Amino acid sequence: MKKQLIISLVASVISASCLAQESDLYSYLCNKDGNTQGYQMTGGTAKKLVMYPGDSLQTVAITANPDQEWLLGQVKPDQVPTDCLSYFLSQGYWQKGQSIARFHFEFNSKSLSGADKAILARLVTTLAHTPNVSVVGHTDSIGSDAYNQSLGEKRAQSVVKLVSSQSKDVSLTTSSRGESQPIASNSTVQGRALNRRVEIVLEDVMQ
């Protein structure tokens, strides 16, 4: 009876990268203090290398699905570091009604920073042919409700304009929440900076 000697079993590959691919199990790009950082986790094709007596070798493909499912269960989109300013998540982790990307703005501005434009460019290829994607503008609490409602819409429109200039395969709808949905306190400079944002949402349940 042949004795099998298992040399190696590679069930998954985890790597750090600044490139987010649609096939990633989990990835994000993050604009932190003006620098773009990235993280990527992928599942490789598992192989078992078997050695028989003599010089005979055989490789057997092993399904990696259980390992990938385990990784998917361990990593969640809300584990993006809290000090990430703008970011986007890989497509495998998009969830209905949740933000898949976020971009921030200076006070009373509708223009994205250079770093945010770079992140948005990466996101464009992932958004291609994806239905039911909304771009939602938000503001801080400085100014009237009506003004901030309009400013939120202008921010959303500016993101859509940039996306449309890079791809004709992306269809987006826009809306504005104005100052009604802060994610931080408007009583501090830092909090107001976080609230001045656009979020890209898959199937916006608030519409």
N, C-alpha and C. Protein backbone atom coordinates (compact mmCIF):
# COMPACT_ATOMS: atom_id res chain seq x y z
N MET A 1 0.85 -1.20 0.00
CA MET A 1 0.00 0.00 0.00
C MET A 1 0.88 1.24 0.00
N LYS A 2 0.56 2.12 -0.89
CA LYS A 2 1.35 3.33 -0.99
C LYS A 2 1.10 4.26 0.20
N LYS A 3 2.18 4.78 0.71
CA LYS A 3 2.05 5.74 1.80
C LYS A 3 2.16 7.16 1.22
N GLN A 4 1.18 7.95 1.54
CA GLN A 4 1.16 9.31 1.04
C GLN A 4 1.86 10.24 2.03
N LEU A 5 2.72 11.06 1.51
CA LEU A 5 3.40 12.06 2.32
C LEU A 5 2.95 13.44 1.84
N ILE A 6 2.19 14.12 2.65
CA ILE A 6 1.71 15.44 2.28
C ILE A 6 2.83 16.45 2.52
N ILE A 7 3.29 17.04 1.43
CA ILE A 7 4.38 18.00 1.52
C ILE A 7 3.87 19.37 1.94
N SER A 8 2.81 19.83 1.28
CA SER A 8 2.32 21.16 1.63
C SER A 8 0.86 21.29 1.26
N LEU A 9 0.19 22.13 1.96
CA LEU A 9 -1.20 22.45 1.69
C LEU A 9 -1.36 23.95 1.80
N VAL A 10 -1.65 24.55 0.66
CA VAL A 10 -1.84 25.99 0.64
C VAL A 10 -3.32 26.27 0.49
N ALA A 11 -3.97 26.76 1.53
CA ALA A 11 -5.41 26.94 1.49
C ALA A 11 -5.81 28.35 1.12
N SER A 12 -4.96 29.30 1.44
CA SER A 12 -5.33 30.68 1.12
C SER A 12 -4.09 31.54 1.11
N VAL A 13 -4.20 32.66 0.47
CA VAL A 13 -3.11 33.60 0.37
C VAL A 13 -3.60 34.95 0.86
N ILE A 14 -2.87 35.55 1.78
CA ILE A 14 -3.22 36.87 2.27
C ILE A 14 -2.08 37.81 1.93
N SER A 15 -2.39 38.88 1.26
CA SER A 15 -1.35 39.79 0.83
C SER A 15 -1.77 41.22 1.02
N ALA A 16 -0.79 42.12 1.21
CA ALA A 16 -1.06 43.54 1.31
C ALA A 16 -0.81 44.17 -0.04
N SER A 17 -1.70 45.06 -0.43
CA SER A 17 -1.57 45.69 -1.73
C SER A 17 -2.34 46.98 -1.76
N CYS A 18 -2.00 47.88 -2.68
CA CYS A 18 -2.76 49.10 -2.87
C CYS A 18 -3.72 48.96 -4.04
N LEU A 19 -3.79 47.79 -4.64
CA LEU A 19 -4.69 47.58 -5.77
C LEU A 19 -5.86 46.73 -5.33
N ALA A 20 -7.07 47.24 -5.50
CA ALA A 20 -8.26 46.48 -5.14
C ALA A 20 -8.85 45.85 -6.39
N GLN A 21 -9.02 44.55 -6.37
CA GLN A 21 -9.57 43.84 -7.52
C GLN A 21 -10.96 43.33 -7.17
N GLU A 22 -11.80 43.18 -8.19
CA GLU A 22 -13.16 42.73 -7.97
C GLU A 22 -13.19 41.34 -7.35
N SER A 23 -12.17 40.52 -7.62
CA SER A 23 -12.15 39.15 -7.13
C SER A 23 -11.61 39.03 -5.71
N ASP A 24 -11.18 40.12 -5.12
CA ASP A 24 -10.65 40.05 -3.76
C ASP A 24 -11.71 39.59 -2.79
N LEU A 25 -11.28 38.81 -1.80
CA LEU A 25 -12.19 38.49 -0.72
C LEU A 25 -12.47 39.74 0.12
N TYR A 26 -11.47 40.53 0.31
CA TYR A 26 -11.65 41.77 1.07
C TYR A 26 -10.55 42.74 0.73
N SER A 27 -10.92 43.97 0.45
CA SER A 27 -9.91 44.99 0.21
C SER A 27 -10.52 46.36 0.42
N TYR A 28 -9.68 47.31 0.71
CA TYR A 28 -10.12 48.69 0.74
C TYR A 28 -8.95 49.59 0.43
N LEU A 29 -9.26 50.76 -0.07
CA LEU A 29 -8.29 51.83 -0.19
C LEU A 29 -8.69 52.92 0.78
N CYS A 30 -7.71 53.53 1.41
CA CYS A 30 -7.97 54.49 2.48
C CYS A 30 -7.13 55.74 2.28
N ASN A 31 -7.77 56.90 2.35
CA ASN A 31 -7.07 58.18 2.35
C ASN A 31 -6.90 58.59 3.81
N LYS A 32 -5.69 58.48 4.30
CA LYS A 32 -5.39 58.77 5.70
C LYS A 32 -4.30 59.83 5.76
N ASP A 33 -4.65 60.99 6.28
CA ASP A 33 -3.69 62.09 6.40
C ASP A 33 -3.06 62.43 5.05
N GLY A 34 -3.86 62.36 3.97
CA GLY A 34 -3.37 62.72 2.65
C GLY A 34 -2.63 61.63 1.92
N ASN A 35 -2.44 60.47 2.56
CA ASN A 35 -1.74 59.36 1.93
C ASN A 35 -2.73 58.24 1.62
N THR A 36 -2.59 57.65 0.46
CA THR A 36 -3.46 56.55 0.09
C THR A 36 -2.83 55.23 0.52
N GLN A 37 -3.57 54.47 1.32
CA GLN A 37 -3.09 53.19 1.80
C GLN A 37 -4.08 52.11 1.38
N GLY A 38 -3.60 50.90 1.24
CA GLY A 38 -4.48 49.84 0.81
C GLY A 38 -4.25 48.55 1.55
N TYR A 39 -5.29 47.74 1.57
CA TYR A 39 -5.20 46.41 2.15
C TYR A 39 -5.97 45.45 1.27
N GLN A 40 -5.46 44.25 1.11
CA GLN A 40 -6.10 43.29 0.23
C GLN A 40 -5.96 41.89 0.80
N MET A 41 -7.04 41.14 0.80
CA MET A 41 -7.01 39.76 1.23
C MET A 41 -7.63 38.91 0.12
N THR A 42 -6.91 37.91 -0.36
CA THR A 42 -7.43 37.08 -1.44
C THR A 42 -7.35 35.62 -1.07
N GLY A 43 -8.19 34.83 -1.69
CA GLY A 43 -8.17 33.38 -1.49
C GLY A 43 -7.56 32.70 -2.70
N GLY A 44 -6.49 31.95 -2.50
CA GLY A 44 -5.83 31.28 -3.60
C GLY A 44 -6.44 29.92 -3.89
N THR A 45 -6.00 29.29 -4.98
CA THR A 45 -6.43 27.94 -5.31
C THR A 45 -5.61 26.94 -4.52
N ALA A 46 -6.28 26.15 -3.71
CA ALA A 46 -5.58 25.21 -2.85
C ALA A 46 -5.02 24.03 -3.64
N LYS A 47 -3.82 23.58 -3.26
CA LYS A 47 -3.19 22.42 -3.90
C LYS A 47 -2.60 21.51 -2.82
N LYS A 48 -2.68 20.22 -3.06
CA LYS A 48 -2.03 19.25 -2.17
C LYS A 48 -0.98 18.50 -2.99
N LEU A 49 0.26 18.55 -2.52
CA LEU A 49 1.35 17.88 -3.21
C LEU A 49 1.62 16.55 -2.49
N VAL A 50 1.47 15.48 -3.23
CA VAL A 50 1.60 14.14 -2.64
C VAL A 50 2.82 13.44 -3.23
N MET A 51 3.64 12.84 -2.36
CA MET A 51 4.83 12.10 -2.82
C MET A 51 4.61 10.61 -2.56
N TYR A 52 4.88 9.82 -3.61
CA TYR A 52 4.78 8.37 -3.49
C TYR A 52 6.19 7.78 -3.45
N PRO A 53 6.31 6.51 -3.04
CA PRO A 53 7.64 5.87 -3.06
C PRO A 53 8.26 5.95 -4.44
N GLY A 54 9.54 6.20 -4.51
CA GLY A 54 10.22 6.41 -5.77
C GLY A 54 10.29 7.90 -6.04
N ASP A 55 10.13 8.27 -7.28
CA ASP A 55 10.23 9.68 -7.61
C ASP A 55 8.93 10.22 -8.20
N SER A 56 7.83 9.59 -7.85
CA SER A 56 6.54 9.97 -8.40
C SER A 56 5.89 11.05 -7.54
N LEU A 57 5.47 12.13 -8.19
CA LEU A 57 4.76 13.21 -7.50
C LEU A 57 3.39 13.41 -8.14
N GLN A 58 2.46 13.82 -7.34
CA GLN A 58 1.13 14.08 -7.86
C GLN A 58 0.55 15.29 -7.13
N THR A 59 -0.08 16.19 -7.88
CA THR A 59 -0.77 17.33 -7.25
C THR A 59 -2.26 17.14 -7.42
N VAL A 60 -2.98 17.44 -6.37
CA VAL A 60 -4.42 17.30 -6.36
C VAL A 60 -5.04 18.64 -6.00
N ALA A 61 -5.96 19.12 -6.82
CA ALA A 61 -6.65 20.37 -6.52
C ALA A 61 -7.63 20.16 -5.38
N ILE A 62 -7.66 21.09 -4.47
CA ILE A 62 -8.57 21.04 -3.33
C ILE A 62 -9.43 22.29 -3.35
N THR A 63 -10.71 22.11 -3.12
CA THR A 63 -11.57 23.28 -3.11
C THR A 63 -11.19 24.22 -1.96
N ALA A 64 -11.11 25.50 -2.27
CA ALA A 64 -10.76 26.49 -1.26
C ALA A 64 -12.00 27.17 -0.69
N ASN A 65 -13.19 26.74 -1.11
CA ASN A 65 -14.41 27.42 -0.68
C ASN A 65 -14.57 27.48 0.83
N PRO A 66 -14.33 26.40 1.58
CA PRO A 66 -14.48 26.50 3.04
C PRO A 66 -13.56 27.55 3.66
N ASP A 67 -12.34 27.64 3.14
CA ASP A 67 -11.39 28.63 3.67
C ASP A 67 -11.84 30.04 3.32
N GLN A 68 -12.33 30.23 2.09
CA GLN A 68 -12.80 31.55 1.69
C GLN A 68 -14.03 31.96 2.49
N GLU A 69 -14.92 31.00 2.72
CA GLU A 69 -16.11 31.31 3.52
C GLU A 69 -15.72 31.69 4.95
N TRP A 70 -14.69 31.04 5.47
CA TRP A 70 -14.22 31.39 6.81
C TRP A 70 -13.68 32.80 6.84
N LEU A 71 -12.87 33.16 5.82
CA LEU A 71 -12.33 34.52 5.75
C LEU A 71 -13.45 35.54 5.65
N LEU A 72 -14.44 35.24 4.81
CA LEU A 72 -15.57 36.16 4.65
C LEU A 72 -16.31 36.35 5.97
N GLY A 73 -16.35 35.30 6.78
CA GLY A 73 -17.03 35.40 8.07
C GLY A 73 -16.25 36.15 9.13
N GLN A 74 -14.92 36.26 8.94
CA GLN A 74 -14.08 36.89 9.95
C GLN A 74 -13.86 38.38 9.71
N VAL A 75 -13.90 38.81 8.46
CA VAL A 75 -13.60 40.20 8.13
C VAL A 75 -14.88 40.90 7.72
N LYS A 76 -15.16 42.03 8.32
CA LYS A 76 -16.37 42.78 8.04
C LYS A 76 -16.03 44.17 7.53
N PRO A 77 -16.92 44.75 6.69
CA PRO A 77 -16.66 46.08 6.15
C PRO A 77 -16.46 47.15 7.22
N ASP A 78 -17.14 47.01 8.36
CA ASP A 78 -17.01 48.04 9.39
C ASP A 78 -15.69 47.96 10.14
N GLN A 79 -14.79 47.06 9.70
CA GLN A 79 -13.47 47.00 10.30
C GLN A 79 -12.47 47.89 9.60
N VAL A 80 -12.93 48.71 8.64
CA VAL A 80 -12.06 49.74 8.09
C VAL A 80 -11.64 50.63 9.25
N PRO A 81 -10.35 50.92 9.39
CA PRO A 81 -9.88 51.73 10.53
C PRO A 81 -10.64 53.04 10.66
N THR A 82 -10.94 53.42 11.89
CA THR A 82 -11.71 54.63 12.13
C THR A 82 -10.97 55.89 11.68
N ASP A 83 -9.64 55.82 11.56
CA ASP A 83 -8.90 56.99 11.11
C ASP A 83 -8.76 57.05 9.59
N CYS A 84 -9.41 56.11 8.88
CA CYS A 84 -9.52 56.25 7.43
C CYS A 84 -10.49 57.38 7.15
N LEU A 85 -10.07 58.33 6.35
CA LEU A 85 -10.95 59.43 6.00
C LEU A 85 -11.84 58.98 4.85
N SER A 86 -11.33 59.03 3.65
CA SER A 86 -12.07 58.52 2.50
C SER A 86 -11.62 57.09 2.23
N TYR A 87 -12.55 56.27 1.71
CA TYR A 87 -12.20 54.87 1.46
C TYR A 87 -13.17 54.26 0.47
N PHE A 88 -12.80 53.09 -0.06
CA PHE A 88 -13.80 52.24 -0.70
C PHE A 88 -13.48 50.79 -0.46
N LEU A 89 -14.52 49.97 -0.46
CA LEU A 89 -14.43 48.55 -0.16
C LEU A 89 -14.49 47.73 -1.44
N SER A 90 -13.93 46.53 -1.39
CA SER A 90 -14.02 45.63 -2.53
C SER A 90 -15.46 45.16 -2.71
N GLN A 91 -15.76 44.75 -3.94
CA GLN A 91 -17.13 44.44 -4.30
C GLN A 91 -17.70 43.27 -3.50
N GLY A 92 -16.86 42.35 -3.10
CA GLY A 92 -17.34 41.20 -2.36
C GLY A 92 -17.95 41.54 -1.01
N TYR A 93 -17.74 42.74 -0.54
CA TYR A 93 -18.25 43.12 0.78
C TYR A 93 -19.31 44.21 0.72
N TRP A 94 -19.85 44.47 -0.45
CA TRP A 94 -20.93 45.45 -0.54
C TRP A 94 -22.20 44.86 0.05
N GLN A 95 -22.84 45.64 0.90
CA GLN A 95 -24.08 45.20 1.52
C GLN A 95 -25.17 46.23 1.28
N LYS A 96 -26.35 45.77 1.03
CA LYS A 96 -27.49 46.63 0.72
C LYS A 96 -27.69 47.69 1.80
N GLY A 97 -27.78 48.94 1.36
CA GLY A 97 -28.06 50.03 2.29
C GLY A 97 -26.86 50.55 3.04
N GLN A 98 -25.67 49.99 2.82
CA GLN A 98 -24.47 50.42 3.53
C GLN A 98 -23.52 51.13 2.59
N SER A 99 -22.72 52.01 3.17
CA SER A 99 -21.75 52.77 2.39
C SER A 99 -20.65 51.84 1.89
N ILE A 100 -20.38 51.91 0.57
CA ILE A 100 -19.28 51.14 0.01
C ILE A 100 -18.08 52.03 -0.29
N ALA A 101 -18.31 53.34 -0.20
CA ALA A 101 -17.21 54.29 -0.40
C ALA A 101 -17.61 55.61 0.24
N ARG A 102 -16.59 56.38 0.66
CA ARG A 102 -16.84 57.68 1.30
C ARG A 102 -15.75 58.65 0.88
N PHE A 103 -16.16 59.86 0.56
CA PHE A 103 -15.23 60.91 0.17
C PHE A 103 -15.57 62.20 0.92
N HIS A 104 -14.54 62.91 1.36
CA HIS A 104 -14.74 64.11 2.20
C HIS A 104 -14.39 65.38 1.44
N PHE A 105 -14.89 66.51 1.97
CA PHE A 105 -14.77 67.80 1.31
C PHE A 105 -14.33 68.88 2.30
N GLU A 106 -13.67 69.90 1.78
CA GLU A 106 -13.36 71.07 2.58
C GLU A 106 -14.64 71.86 2.83
N PHE A 107 -14.58 72.81 3.76
CA PHE A 107 -15.75 73.61 4.11
C PHE A 107 -16.30 74.35 2.89
N ASN A 108 -17.60 74.22 2.70
CA ASN A 108 -18.33 74.91 1.64
C ASN A 108 -17.81 74.57 0.24
N SER A 109 -17.19 73.40 0.10
CA SER A 109 -16.60 73.01 -1.19
C SER A 109 -17.33 71.80 -1.77
N LYS A 110 -17.29 71.70 -3.08
CA LYS A 110 -17.83 70.53 -3.77
C LYS A 110 -16.75 69.81 -4.57
N SER A 111 -15.48 70.14 -4.28
CA SER A 111 -14.35 69.57 -5.02
C SER A 111 -13.64 68.50 -4.19
N LEU A 112 -13.31 67.39 -4.84
CA LEU A 112 -12.56 66.32 -4.18
C LEU A 112 -11.08 66.64 -4.16
N SER A 113 -10.38 66.12 -3.15
CA SER A 113 -8.93 66.26 -3.09
C SER A 113 -8.29 65.35 -4.14
N GLY A 114 -7.00 65.58 -4.40
CA GLY A 114 -6.28 64.74 -5.36
C GLY A 114 -6.25 63.29 -4.94
N ALA A 115 -6.04 63.04 -3.64
CA ALA A 115 -6.00 61.66 -3.14
C ALA A 115 -7.35 60.98 -3.31
N ASP A 116 -8.43 61.74 -3.06
CA ASP A 116 -9.75 61.17 -3.20
C ASP A 116 -10.06 60.87 -4.66
N LYS A 117 -9.60 61.70 -5.57
CA LYS A 117 -9.81 61.45 -6.99
C LYS A 117 -9.11 60.16 -7.41
N ALA A 118 -7.94 59.91 -6.83
CA ALA A 118 -7.21 58.68 -7.15
C ALA A 118 -7.97 57.45 -6.66
N ILE A 119 -8.56 57.56 -5.48
CA ILE A 119 -9.35 56.45 -4.95
C ILE A 119 -10.60 56.26 -5.79
N LEU A 120 -11.25 57.36 -6.17
CA LEU A 120 -12.45 57.27 -6.99
C LEU A 120 -12.16 56.62 -8.33
N ALA A 121 -11.00 56.90 -8.90
CA ALA A 121 -10.63 56.30 -10.18
C ALA A 121 -10.55 54.77 -10.06
N ARG A 122 -10.04 54.29 -8.94
CA ARG A 122 -10.00 52.84 -8.72
C ARG A 122 -11.41 52.26 -8.58
N LEU A 123 -12.28 53.04 -7.97
CA LEU A 123 -13.64 52.58 -7.73
C LEU A 123 -14.44 52.48 -9.02
N VAL A 124 -14.14 53.33 -9.99
CA VAL A 124 -14.93 53.40 -11.22
C VAL A 124 -14.99 52.05 -11.92
N THR A 125 -13.86 51.37 -12.02
CA THR A 125 -13.84 50.08 -12.72
C THR A 125 -14.69 49.04 -11.98
N THR A 126 -14.78 49.15 -10.68
CA THR A 126 -15.57 48.21 -9.90
C THR A 126 -17.06 48.48 -10.03
N LEU A 127 -17.41 49.75 -10.24
CA LEU A 127 -18.82 50.12 -10.35
C LEU A 127 -19.44 49.78 -11.69
N ALA A 128 -18.61 49.46 -12.69
CA ALA A 128 -19.13 49.22 -14.04
C ALA A 128 -20.21 48.15 -14.04
N HIS A 129 -21.35 48.48 -14.66
CA HIS A 129 -22.47 47.56 -14.83
C HIS A 129 -23.08 47.10 -13.50
N THR A 130 -22.84 47.85 -12.42
CA THR A 130 -23.45 47.52 -11.13
C THR A 130 -24.72 48.34 -10.96
N PRO A 131 -25.88 47.69 -10.82
CA PRO A 131 -27.14 48.45 -10.72
C PRO A 131 -27.39 48.98 -9.31
N ASN A 132 -28.30 49.94 -9.23
CA ASN A 132 -28.81 50.43 -7.95
C ASN A 132 -27.73 51.01 -7.05
N VAL A 133 -26.88 51.85 -7.62
CA VAL A 133 -25.85 52.53 -6.84
C VAL A 133 -26.21 54.01 -6.72
N SER A 134 -26.20 54.51 -5.50
CA SER A 134 -26.57 55.90 -5.24
C SER A 134 -25.38 56.68 -4.70
N VAL A 135 -25.34 57.96 -5.05
CA VAL A 135 -24.33 58.88 -4.53
C VAL A 135 -25.07 59.90 -3.66
N VAL A 136 -24.75 59.92 -2.36
CA VAL A 136 -25.51 60.71 -1.39
C VAL A 136 -24.61 61.78 -0.78
N GLY A 137 -25.00 63.04 -0.92
CA GLY A 137 -24.22 64.15 -0.38
C GLY A 137 -24.64 64.53 1.02
N HIS A 138 -23.66 64.92 1.84
CA HIS A 138 -23.89 65.32 3.23
C HIS A 138 -23.10 66.60 3.53
N THR A 139 -23.51 67.33 4.56
CA THR A 139 -22.82 68.55 4.96
C THR A 139 -22.68 68.60 6.48
N ASP A 140 -21.94 69.60 6.94
CA ASP A 140 -21.95 69.88 8.38
C ASP A 140 -23.16 70.76 8.69
N SER A 141 -23.24 71.29 9.91
CA SER A 141 -24.44 72.03 10.33
C SER A 141 -24.32 73.53 10.15
N ILE A 142 -23.22 74.00 9.59
CA ILE A 142 -23.06 75.43 9.39
C ILE A 142 -23.83 75.86 8.14
N GLY A 143 -24.71 76.84 8.30
CA GLY A 143 -25.55 77.27 7.19
C GLY A 143 -26.99 76.81 7.38
N SER A 144 -27.88 77.32 6.55
CA SER A 144 -29.30 76.98 6.66
C SER A 144 -29.55 75.57 6.14
N ASP A 145 -30.69 75.02 6.54
CA ASP A 145 -31.08 73.70 6.06
C ASP A 145 -31.16 73.67 4.54
N ALA A 146 -31.76 74.71 3.98
CA ALA A 146 -31.94 74.76 2.52
C ALA A 146 -30.60 74.83 1.80
N TYR A 147 -29.69 75.66 2.33
CA TYR A 147 -28.38 75.80 1.69
C TYR A 147 -27.62 74.47 1.75
N ASN A 148 -27.65 73.83 2.90
CA ASN A 148 -26.91 72.57 3.05
C ASN A 148 -27.54 71.46 2.22
N GLN A 149 -28.85 71.48 2.05
CA GLN A 149 -29.49 70.50 1.19
C GLN A 149 -28.99 70.65 -0.24
N SER A 150 -28.89 71.90 -0.68
CA SER A 150 -28.38 72.17 -2.03
C SER A 150 -26.91 71.81 -2.15
N LEU A 151 -26.11 72.14 -1.14
CA LEU A 151 -24.68 71.84 -1.18
C LEU A 151 -24.43 70.34 -1.21
N GLY A 152 -25.22 69.58 -0.45
CA GLY A 152 -25.09 68.12 -0.48
C GLY A 152 -25.35 67.56 -1.87
N GLU A 153 -26.34 68.12 -2.56
CA GLU A 153 -26.64 67.67 -3.92
C GLU A 153 -25.51 68.02 -4.87
N LYS A 154 -24.93 69.21 -4.71
CA LYS A 154 -23.82 69.61 -5.57
C LYS A 154 -22.62 68.70 -5.37
N ARG A 155 -22.36 68.29 -4.15
CA ARG A 155 -21.25 67.37 -3.87
C ARG A 155 -21.50 66.03 -4.54
N ALA A 156 -22.71 65.53 -4.44
CA ALA A 156 -23.04 64.26 -5.08
C ALA A 156 -22.88 64.37 -6.60
N GLN A 157 -23.35 65.48 -7.16
CA GLN A 157 -23.25 65.68 -8.60
C GLN A 157 -21.80 65.77 -9.06
N SER A 158 -20.94 66.37 -8.24
CA SER A 158 -19.54 66.50 -8.64
C SER A 158 -18.86 65.13 -8.71
N VAL A 159 -19.24 64.22 -7.82
CA VAL A 159 -18.68 62.86 -7.85
C VAL A 159 -19.18 62.13 -9.09
N VAL A 160 -20.47 62.24 -9.38
CA VAL A 160 -21.04 61.59 -10.56
C VAL A 160 -20.39 62.11 -11.83
N LYS A 161 -20.14 63.41 -11.88
CA LYS A 161 -19.50 64.00 -13.05
C LYS A 161 -18.12 63.41 -13.27
N LEU A 162 -17.35 63.25 -12.19
CA LEU A 162 -16.02 62.67 -12.32
C LEU A 162 -16.09 61.21 -12.78
N VAL A 163 -17.04 60.46 -12.21
CA VAL A 163 -17.19 59.06 -12.60
C VAL A 163 -17.57 58.97 -14.07
N SER A 164 -18.52 59.80 -14.50
CA SER A 164 -18.99 59.76 -15.89
C SER A 164 -17.89 60.13 -16.87
N SER A 165 -16.96 60.98 -16.44
CA SER A 165 -15.87 61.37 -17.33
C SER A 165 -14.86 60.24 -17.54
N GLN A 166 -14.89 59.23 -16.66
CA GLN A 166 -13.94 58.13 -16.74
C GLN A 166 -14.55 56.85 -17.29
N SER A 167 -15.87 56.74 -17.25
CA SER A 167 -16.50 55.52 -17.75
C SER A 167 -17.94 55.80 -18.14
N LYS A 168 -18.36 55.21 -19.24
CA LYS A 168 -19.74 55.31 -19.68
C LYS A 168 -20.55 54.09 -19.23
N ASP A 169 -19.91 53.19 -18.51
CA ASP A 169 -20.56 51.96 -18.09
C ASP A 169 -21.09 52.02 -16.66
N VAL A 170 -21.04 53.20 -16.05
CA VAL A 170 -21.48 53.36 -14.67
C VAL A 170 -22.72 54.25 -14.65
N SER A 171 -23.78 53.77 -14.02
CA SER A 171 -25.02 54.52 -13.89
C SER A 171 -25.28 54.79 -12.41
N LEU A 172 -25.37 56.07 -12.04
CA LEU A 172 -25.53 56.45 -10.65
C LEU A 172 -26.70 57.41 -10.48
N THR A 173 -27.37 57.32 -9.34
CA THR A 173 -28.39 58.30 -8.98
C THR A 173 -27.85 59.15 -7.83
N THR A 174 -28.33 60.38 -7.72
CA THR A 174 -27.85 61.29 -6.68
C THR A 174 -28.98 61.70 -5.75
N SER A 175 -28.60 62.05 -4.54
CA SER A 175 -29.54 62.62 -3.57
C SER A 175 -28.73 63.37 -2.53
N SER A 176 -29.42 64.11 -1.68
CA SER A 176 -28.75 64.88 -0.63
C SER A 176 -29.47 64.68 0.69
N ARG A 177 -28.71 64.53 1.75
CA ARG A 177 -29.26 64.48 3.11
C ARG A 177 -28.98 65.80 3.84
N GLY A 178 -28.24 66.70 3.19
CA GLY A 178 -27.90 67.95 3.84
C GLY A 178 -27.16 67.70 5.15
N GLU A 179 -27.61 68.33 6.21
CA GLU A 179 -26.97 68.18 7.53
C GLU A 179 -27.69 67.19 8.42
N SER A 180 -28.67 66.45 7.86
CA SER A 180 -29.57 65.64 8.68
C SER A 180 -28.98 64.34 9.20
N GLN A 181 -27.85 63.87 8.62
CA GLN A 181 -27.30 62.58 9.02
C GLN A 181 -25.81 62.69 9.34
N PRO A 182 -25.45 63.40 10.41
CA PRO A 182 -24.04 63.50 10.78
C PRO A 182 -23.50 62.16 11.28
N ILE A 183 -22.21 61.92 11.04
CA ILE A 183 -21.56 60.73 11.58
C ILE A 183 -20.63 61.09 12.73
N ALA A 184 -20.53 62.38 13.02
CA ALA A 184 -19.70 62.87 14.12
C ALA A 184 -20.34 64.15 14.65
N SER A 185 -19.86 64.61 15.78
CA SER A 185 -20.42 65.82 16.39
C SER A 185 -20.09 67.05 15.56
N ASN A 186 -21.09 67.89 15.34
CA ASN A 186 -20.87 69.15 14.63
C ASN A 186 -20.35 70.25 15.55
N SER A 187 -20.10 69.93 16.79
CA SER A 187 -19.61 70.93 17.74
C SER A 187 -18.10 71.09 17.71
N THR A 188 -17.41 70.22 16.93
CA THR A 188 -15.95 70.31 16.84
C THR A 188 -15.53 70.45 15.38
N VAL A 189 -14.34 71.01 15.16
CA VAL A 189 -13.81 71.15 13.81
C VAL A 189 -13.62 69.78 13.17
N GLN A 190 -13.09 68.84 13.95
CA GLN A 190 -12.84 67.50 13.41
C GLN A 190 -14.15 66.80 13.03
N GLY A 191 -15.16 66.96 13.87
CA GLY A 191 -16.44 66.33 13.59
C GLY A 191 -17.10 66.90 12.35
N ARG A 192 -17.05 68.22 12.20
CA ARG A 192 -17.63 68.84 11.01
C ARG A 192 -16.92 68.39 9.74
N ALA A 193 -15.59 68.21 9.83
CA ALA A 193 -14.82 67.74 8.67
C ALA A 193 -15.28 66.34 8.24
N LEU A 194 -15.58 65.49 9.20
CA LEU A 194 -16.05 64.15 8.88
C LEU A 194 -17.45 64.17 8.27
N ASN A 195 -18.26 65.11 8.69
CA ASN A 195 -19.64 65.17 8.20
C ASN A 195 -19.75 65.72 6.78
N ARG A 196 -18.75 66.47 6.34
CA ARG A 196 -18.76 67.01 4.96
C ARG A 196 -18.30 65.90 4.02
N ARG A 197 -19.24 65.16 3.46
CA ARG A 197 -18.86 63.93 2.76
C ARG A 197 -19.88 63.58 1.68
N VAL A 198 -19.46 62.67 0.83
CA VAL A 198 -20.34 61.96 -0.10
C VAL A 198 -20.16 60.48 0.17
N GLU A 199 -21.26 59.76 0.22
CA GLU A 199 -21.20 58.32 0.39
C GLU A 199 -21.82 57.64 -0.83
N ILE A 200 -21.16 56.59 -1.28
CA ILE A 200 -21.67 55.78 -2.39
C ILE A 200 -22.29 54.53 -1.77
N VAL A 201 -23.57 54.33 -2.05
CA VAL A 201 -24.35 53.33 -1.34
C VAL A 201 -24.98 52.37 -2.34
N LEU A 202 -24.92 51.08 -2.03
CA LEU A 202 -25.58 50.06 -2.85
C LEU A 202 -27.02 49.93 -2.37
N GLU A 203 -27.98 50.20 -3.27
CA GLU A 203 -29.41 50.11 -2.96
C GLU A 203 -29.73 50.96 -1.72
N ASP A 204 -29.72 52.26 -1.90
CA ASP A 204 -29.99 53.20 -0.82
C ASP A 204 -31.41 53.01 -0.29
N VAL A 205 -31.54 52.46 0.89
CA VAL A 205 -32.86 52.15 1.44
C VAL A 205 -33.59 53.39 1.92
N MET A 206 -32.89 54.54 1.99
CA MET A 206 -33.50 55.78 2.46
C MET A 206 -34.23 56.52 1.34
N GLN A 207 -34.01 56.13 0.10
CA GLN A 207 -34.64 56.83 -1.01
C GLN A 207 -36.10 56.43 -1.15
